[in-house]
Amino acid sequence: MEINCETIKHLAKLSDFALSEKETEALTGDLKNIIGYISQLDELDTEGVEPTYQVFEMDNVWRDDEIIDQEASREDLLALTKEEKENQIKVPRVL
């Protein structure tokens, strides 16, 4: 994909960005430099190298779900709230 001013303008339109002509030209040069720098990786010989998906060896630790009786009734829990209405905790409006 060629990076030019038209590409930057198209990406800006898709991203709903307003860019001046000077900003468009600067981004064009910056992106060309970045892609040129990254393209140096194409020169590496990666024959026989397995892709790395995870840098650190990590395993998921699974445990069985357990239901633990908390020995608290609805009334006990509602008594801890500042305000309740119709057996529910009343909280401040968000919107």
N, C-alpha and C. Protein backbone atom coordinates (compact mmCIF):
# COMPACT_ATOMS: atom_id res chain seq x y z
N MET A 1 0.85 -1.19 0.00
CA MET A 1 0.00 0.00 0.00
C MET A 1 0.88 1.24 0.00
N GLU A 2 0.63 2.09 -0.93
CA GLU A 2 1.42 3.32 -1.03
C GLU A 2 0.83 4.38 -0.10
N ILE A 3 1.71 5.00 0.66
CA ILE A 3 1.28 6.07 1.56
C ILE A 3 1.49 7.40 0.84
N ASN A 4 0.39 8.10 0.60
CA ASN A 4 0.47 9.42 -0.01
C ASN A 4 -0.57 10.32 0.66
N CYS A 5 -0.65 11.55 0.22
CA CYS A 5 -1.58 12.51 0.83
C CYS A 5 -3.03 12.06 0.70
N GLU A 6 -3.37 11.42 -0.42
CA GLU A 6 -4.74 10.94 -0.61
C GLU A 6 -5.07 9.84 0.41
N THR A 7 -4.12 8.98 0.68
CA THR A 7 -4.33 7.93 1.68
C THR A 7 -4.57 8.53 3.05
N ILE A 8 -3.78 9.52 3.41
CA ILE A 8 -3.92 10.18 4.71
C ILE A 8 -5.27 10.90 4.80
N LYS A 9 -5.68 11.55 3.73
CA LYS A 9 -6.98 12.24 3.73
C LYS A 9 -8.12 11.24 3.87
N HIS A 10 -7.99 10.11 3.20
CA HIS A 10 -9.02 9.07 3.30
C HIS A 10 -9.11 8.53 4.73
N LEU A 11 -7.96 8.24 5.33
CA LEU A 11 -7.94 7.75 6.71
C LEU A 11 -8.48 8.80 7.68
N ALA A 12 -8.16 10.05 7.44
CA ALA A 12 -8.66 11.13 8.30
C ALA A 12 -10.18 11.23 8.19
N LYS A 13 -10.70 11.07 6.98
CA LYS A 13 -12.15 11.12 6.80
C LYS A 13 -12.82 9.95 7.52
N LEU A 14 -12.26 8.74 7.39
CA LEU A 14 -12.81 7.58 8.07
C LEU A 14 -12.76 7.74 9.59
N SER A 15 -11.72 8.42 10.09
CA SER A 15 -11.55 8.62 11.53
C SER A 15 -12.23 9.88 12.03
N ASP A 16 -12.83 10.62 11.15
CA ASP A 16 -13.51 11.87 11.48
C ASP A 16 -12.53 12.88 12.08
N PHE A 17 -11.34 12.96 11.46
CA PHE A 17 -10.33 13.95 11.85
C PHE A 17 -10.32 15.08 10.84
N ALA A 18 -10.10 16.27 11.33
CA ALA A 18 -9.92 17.41 10.43
C ALA A 18 -8.42 17.72 10.41
N LEU A 19 -7.80 17.56 9.25
CA LEU A 19 -6.37 17.80 9.11
C LEU A 19 -6.14 18.92 8.10
N SER A 20 -5.19 19.78 8.44
CA SER A 20 -4.79 20.81 7.48
C SER A 20 -3.87 20.17 6.44
N GLU A 21 -3.61 20.90 5.39
CA GLU A 21 -2.71 20.39 4.34
C GLU A 21 -1.32 20.15 4.90
N LYS A 22 -0.88 21.04 5.78
CA LYS A 22 0.45 20.90 6.40
C LYS A 22 0.51 19.64 7.26
N GLU A 23 -0.55 19.38 8.04
CA GLU A 23 -0.60 18.18 8.88
C GLU A 23 -0.64 16.91 8.03
N THR A 24 -1.37 16.97 6.91
CA THR A 24 -1.45 15.82 6.01
C THR A 24 -0.09 15.49 5.45
N GLU A 25 0.64 16.50 5.01
CA GLU A 25 1.98 16.28 4.46
C GLU A 25 2.93 15.75 5.52
N ALA A 26 2.84 16.28 6.74
CA ALA A 26 3.71 15.82 7.82
C ALA A 26 3.41 14.36 8.15
N LEU A 27 2.13 14.00 8.24
CA LEU A 27 1.76 12.62 8.54
C LEU A 27 2.19 11.67 7.43
N THR A 28 2.12 12.13 6.20
CA THR A 28 2.55 11.30 5.07
C THR A 28 4.04 10.95 5.22
N GLY A 29 4.84 11.96 5.51
CA GLY A 29 6.27 11.72 5.70
C GLY A 29 6.55 10.83 6.90
N ASP A 30 5.85 11.09 8.00
CA ASP A 30 6.06 10.29 9.22
C ASP A 30 5.70 8.82 8.98
N LEU A 31 4.56 8.58 8.36
CA LEU A 31 4.15 7.20 8.12
C LEU A 31 5.08 6.49 7.15
N LYS A 32 5.57 7.19 6.15
CA LYS A 32 6.54 6.58 5.24
C LYS A 32 7.80 6.18 5.99
N ASN A 33 8.25 7.04 6.90
CA ASN A 33 9.44 6.71 7.70
C ASN A 33 9.20 5.51 8.61
N ILE A 34 8.04 5.48 9.25
CA ILE A 34 7.71 4.38 10.16
C ILE A 34 7.63 3.06 9.40
N ILE A 35 6.93 3.06 8.27
CA ILE A 35 6.80 1.84 7.49
C ILE A 35 8.15 1.41 6.92
N GLY A 36 8.98 2.35 6.53
CA GLY A 36 10.32 2.03 6.06
C GLY A 36 11.16 1.40 7.15
N TYR A 37 11.04 1.90 8.36
CA TYR A 37 11.78 1.35 9.49
C TYR A 37 11.32 -0.06 9.79
N ILE A 38 10.01 -0.27 9.82
CA ILE A 38 9.47 -1.58 10.14
C ILE A 38 9.77 -2.58 9.02
N SER A 39 9.84 -2.12 7.78
CA SER A 39 10.08 -3.03 6.66
C SER A 39 11.48 -3.64 6.72
N GLN A 40 12.35 -3.13 7.57
CA GLN A 40 13.66 -3.75 7.75
C GLN A 40 13.51 -5.17 8.28
N LEU A 41 12.41 -5.45 8.97
CA LEU A 41 12.17 -6.80 9.49
C LEU A 41 12.00 -7.81 8.36
N ASP A 42 11.58 -7.35 7.17
CA ASP A 42 11.42 -8.25 6.03
C ASP A 42 12.75 -8.87 5.61
N GLU A 43 13.85 -8.24 5.96
CA GLU A 43 15.17 -8.73 5.57
C GLU A 43 15.66 -9.87 6.45
N LEU A 44 15.00 -10.09 7.60
CA LEU A 44 15.43 -11.15 8.51
C LEU A 44 15.07 -12.53 7.97
N ASP A 45 15.99 -13.48 8.18
CA ASP A 45 15.72 -14.86 7.81
C ASP A 45 15.01 -15.54 8.98
N THR A 46 13.73 -15.81 8.80
CA THR A 46 12.94 -16.42 9.87
C THR A 46 12.59 -17.87 9.55
N GLU A 47 13.31 -18.46 8.64
CA GLU A 47 13.07 -19.86 8.26
C GLU A 47 13.26 -20.76 9.48
N GLY A 48 12.25 -21.53 9.78
CA GLY A 48 12.33 -22.48 10.90
C GLY A 48 12.07 -21.87 12.27
N VAL A 49 11.74 -20.58 12.33
CA VAL A 49 11.47 -19.93 13.60
C VAL A 49 9.97 -19.98 13.86
N GLU A 50 9.59 -20.57 14.99
CA GLU A 50 8.18 -20.68 15.33
C GLU A 50 7.65 -19.31 15.78
N PRO A 51 6.43 -18.97 15.42
CA PRO A 51 5.85 -17.71 15.88
C PRO A 51 5.72 -17.69 17.40
N THR A 52 5.91 -16.53 17.98
CA THR A 52 5.77 -16.37 19.42
C THR A 52 4.44 -15.70 19.70
N TYR A 53 3.61 -16.42 20.43
CA TYR A 53 2.30 -15.87 20.77
C TYR A 53 2.28 -15.31 22.18
N GLN A 54 3.13 -15.84 23.02
CA GLN A 54 3.19 -15.42 24.41
C GLN A 54 4.65 -15.40 24.82
N VAL A 55 5.12 -14.28 25.32
CA VAL A 55 6.53 -14.15 25.68
C VAL A 55 6.83 -14.93 26.96
N PHE A 56 5.94 -14.84 27.93
CA PHE A 56 6.14 -15.54 29.19
C PHE A 56 5.34 -16.83 29.19
N GLU A 57 5.92 -17.86 29.74
CA GLU A 57 5.18 -19.11 29.84
C GLU A 57 4.17 -18.98 30.96
N MET A 58 2.89 -18.99 30.58
CA MET A 58 1.84 -18.84 31.56
C MET A 58 0.78 -19.90 31.28
N ASP A 59 0.22 -20.43 32.33
CA ASP A 59 -0.87 -21.38 32.21
C ASP A 59 -2.06 -20.83 32.96
N ASN A 60 -3.24 -21.10 32.42
CA ASN A 60 -4.45 -20.73 33.15
C ASN A 60 -4.58 -21.62 34.36
N VAL A 61 -4.95 -21.03 35.45
CA VAL A 61 -5.18 -21.78 36.67
C VAL A 61 -6.69 -21.89 36.84
N TRP A 62 -7.17 -23.10 36.76
CA TRP A 62 -8.60 -23.34 36.86
C TRP A 62 -8.93 -23.93 38.22
N ARG A 63 -10.05 -23.57 38.74
CA ARG A 63 -10.53 -24.16 39.98
C ARG A 63 -12.02 -24.41 39.84
N ASP A 64 -12.51 -25.34 40.61
CA ASP A 64 -13.93 -25.64 40.59
C ASP A 64 -14.68 -24.51 41.27
N ASP A 65 -15.84 -24.18 40.71
CA ASP A 65 -16.70 -23.19 41.35
C ASP A 65 -17.34 -23.81 42.59
N GLU A 66 -17.32 -23.06 43.64
CA GLU A 66 -17.93 -23.52 44.88
C GLU A 66 -18.94 -22.48 45.34
N ILE A 67 -20.08 -22.96 45.80
CA ILE A 67 -21.07 -22.07 46.38
C ILE A 67 -20.85 -22.11 47.89
N ILE A 68 -20.53 -20.96 48.44
CA ILE A 68 -20.25 -20.86 49.87
C ILE A 68 -21.39 -20.11 50.52
N ASP A 69 -22.01 -20.74 51.47
CA ASP A 69 -23.12 -20.12 52.17
C ASP A 69 -22.58 -18.96 53.01
N GLN A 70 -23.11 -17.75 52.76
CA GLN A 70 -22.64 -16.56 53.45
C GLN A 70 -23.39 -16.29 54.76
N GLU A 71 -24.42 -17.05 54.98
CA GLU A 71 -25.22 -16.91 56.20
C GLU A 71 -25.68 -15.47 56.42
N ALA A 72 -26.13 -14.86 55.36
CA ALA A 72 -26.68 -13.50 55.46
C ALA A 72 -28.01 -13.49 54.73
N SER A 73 -29.00 -12.97 55.38
CA SER A 73 -30.32 -12.91 54.75
C SER A 73 -30.44 -11.61 53.96
N ARG A 74 -31.45 -11.56 53.11
CA ARG A 74 -31.71 -10.35 52.33
C ARG A 74 -31.90 -9.16 53.26
N GLU A 75 -32.63 -9.37 54.34
CA GLU A 75 -32.89 -8.29 55.29
C GLU A 75 -31.61 -7.80 55.96
N ASP A 76 -30.70 -8.72 56.29
CA ASP A 76 -29.43 -8.33 56.90
C ASP A 76 -28.61 -7.46 55.94
N LEU A 77 -28.58 -7.86 54.69
CA LEU A 77 -27.81 -7.10 53.70
C LEU A 77 -28.46 -5.75 53.41
N LEU A 78 -29.76 -5.71 53.30
CA LEU A 78 -30.44 -4.44 53.06
C LEU A 78 -30.28 -3.49 54.24
N ALA A 79 -30.13 -4.02 55.43
CA ALA A 79 -29.94 -3.18 56.61
C ALA A 79 -28.59 -2.45 56.56
N LEU A 80 -27.65 -2.94 55.77
CA LEU A 80 -26.32 -2.32 55.66
C LEU A 80 -26.32 -1.13 54.69
N THR A 81 -27.35 -0.98 53.89
CA THR A 81 -27.36 0.08 52.88
C THR A 81 -27.86 1.39 53.48
N LYS A 82 -27.53 2.48 52.80
CA LYS A 82 -28.00 3.80 53.24
C LYS A 82 -29.49 3.94 53.00
N GLU A 83 -29.94 3.41 51.85
CA GLU A 83 -31.35 3.57 51.50
C GLU A 83 -31.80 2.37 50.69
N GLU A 84 -33.00 1.88 50.98
CA GLU A 84 -33.56 0.78 50.21
C GLU A 84 -35.01 1.08 49.89
N LYS A 85 -35.45 0.50 48.76
CA LYS A 85 -36.81 0.72 48.32
C LYS A 85 -37.31 -0.57 47.67
N GLU A 86 -38.42 -1.06 48.14
CA GLU A 86 -39.04 -2.27 47.59
C GLU A 86 -38.07 -3.45 47.56
N ASN A 87 -37.38 -3.67 48.68
CA ASN A 87 -36.42 -4.78 48.84
C ASN A 87 -35.23 -4.69 47.88
N GLN A 88 -34.88 -3.48 47.44
CA GLN A 88 -33.72 -3.27 46.58
C GLN A 88 -32.89 -2.12 47.12
N ILE A 89 -31.59 -2.15 46.81
CA ILE A 89 -30.70 -1.08 47.25
C ILE A 89 -30.94 0.13 46.33
N LYS A 90 -31.19 1.27 46.91
CA LYS A 90 -31.41 2.48 46.13
C LYS A 90 -30.07 3.21 46.00
N VAL A 91 -29.72 3.54 44.78
CA VAL A 91 -28.46 4.21 44.49
C VAL A 91 -28.75 5.53 43.79
N PRO A 92 -27.79 6.47 43.79
CA PRO A 92 -28.00 7.76 43.12
C PRO A 92 -28.16 7.57 41.61
N ARG A 93 -28.90 8.47 41.00
CA ARG A 93 -29.06 8.44 39.55
C ARG A 93 -27.72 8.69 38.86
N VAL A 94 -27.51 8.00 37.76
CA VAL A 94 -26.28 8.19 37.00
C VAL A 94 -26.48 9.26 35.94
N LEU A 95 -27.59 9.24 35.29
CA LEU A 95 -27.87 10.23 34.24
C LEU A 95 -28.95 11.17 34.67
